[in-house]
Amino acid sequence: MQEKAASAAAYVRAIAEKRGRNAEGAEKAVRESATFHQGV
């Protein structure tokens, strides 16, 4: 699951950077969401 989360985070980061958005915040949101779902 960690590989999928890392891929999703990288994908979201790339989109955010391309659109001039907060890439760090977008990546953090994906990673925290993945951590939450793993624990459930």
C-alpha atoms as a PDB file:
ATOM      1  CA  MET A   1       0.000   0.000   0.000  1.00  0.00           C
ATOM      2  CA  GLN A   2       2.895   2.366   0.674  1.00  0.00           C
ATOM      3  CA  GLU A   3       3.954   2.244  -2.968  1.00  0.00           C
ATOM      4  CA  LYS A   4       0.464   3.247  -4.098  1.00  0.00           C
ATOM      5  CA  ALA A   5       0.387   6.104  -1.606  1.00  0.00           C
ATOM      6  CA  ALA A   6       3.794   7.306  -2.773  1.00  0.00           C
ATOM      7  CA  SER A   7       2.699   7.151  -6.410  1.00  0.00           C
ATOM      8  CA  ALA A   8      -0.504   9.026  -5.669  1.00  0.00           C
ATOM      9  CA  ALA A   9       1.385  11.655  -3.683  1.00  0.00           C
ATOM     10  CA  ALA A  10       3.895  12.168  -6.496  1.00  0.00           C
ATOM     11  CA  TYR A  11       1.085  12.432  -9.042  1.00  0.00           C
ATOM     12  CA  VAL A  12      -0.829  15.013  -7.001  1.00  0.00           C
ATOM     13  CA  ARG A  13       2.378  16.945  -6.346  1.00  0.00           C
ATOM     14  CA  ALA A  14       3.144  17.111 -10.073  1.00  0.00           C
ATOM     15  CA  ILE A  15      -0.350  18.363 -10.887  1.00  0.00           C
ATOM     16  CA  ALA A  16      -0.207  20.969  -8.122  1.00  0.00           C
ATOM     17  CA  GLU A  17       3.192  22.225  -9.291  1.00  0.00           C
ATOM     18  CA  LYS A  18       1.984  22.407 -12.893  1.00  0.00           C
ATOM     19  CA  ARG A  19      -1.034  24.472 -11.849  1.00  0.00           C
ATOM     20  CA  GLY A  20       0.893  26.735  -9.476  1.00  0.00           C
ATOM     21  CA  ARG A  21      -0.772  25.342  -6.359  1.00  0.00           C
ATOM     22  CA  ASN A  22       0.610  24.294  -2.987  1.00  0.00           C
ATOM     23  CA  ALA A  23       2.406  21.090  -3.968  1.00  0.00           C
ATOM     24  CA  GLU A  24       3.619  20.347  -0.458  1.00  0.00           C
ATOM     25  CA  GLY A  25       0.121  20.693   0.982  1.00  0.00           C
ATOM     26  CA  ALA A  26      -1.397  18.507  -1.725  1.00  0.00           C
ATOM     27  CA  GLU A  27       1.180  15.784  -1.174  1.00  0.00           C
ATOM     28  CA  LYS A  28       0.733  15.957   2.591  1.00  0.00           C
ATOM     29  CA  ALA A  29      -3.045  15.580   2.224  1.00  0.00           C
ATOM     30  CA  VAL A  30      -2.627  12.434   0.138  1.00  0.00           C
ATOM     31  CA  ARG A  31      -0.101  10.898   2.513  1.00  0.00           C
ATOM     32  CA  GLU A  32      -2.182  11.652   5.614  1.00  0.00           C
ATOM     33  CA  SER A  33      -5.295  10.263   3.961  1.00  0.00           C
ATOM     34  CA  ALA A  34      -3.455   7.063   3.032  1.00  0.00           C
ATOM     35  CA  THR A  35      -2.167   6.698   6.603  1.00  0.00           C
ATOM     36  CA  PHE A  36      -5.671   7.129   7.983  1.00  0.00           C
ATOM     37  CA  HIS A  37      -7.137   4.489   5.676  1.00  0.00           C
ATOM     38  CA  GLN A  38      -4.393   1.966   6.445  1.00  0.00           C
ATOM     39  CA  GLY A  39      -5.201   2.175  10.139  1.00  0.00           C
ATOM     40  CA  VAL A  40      -8.932   1.621   9.715  1.00  0.00           C
END
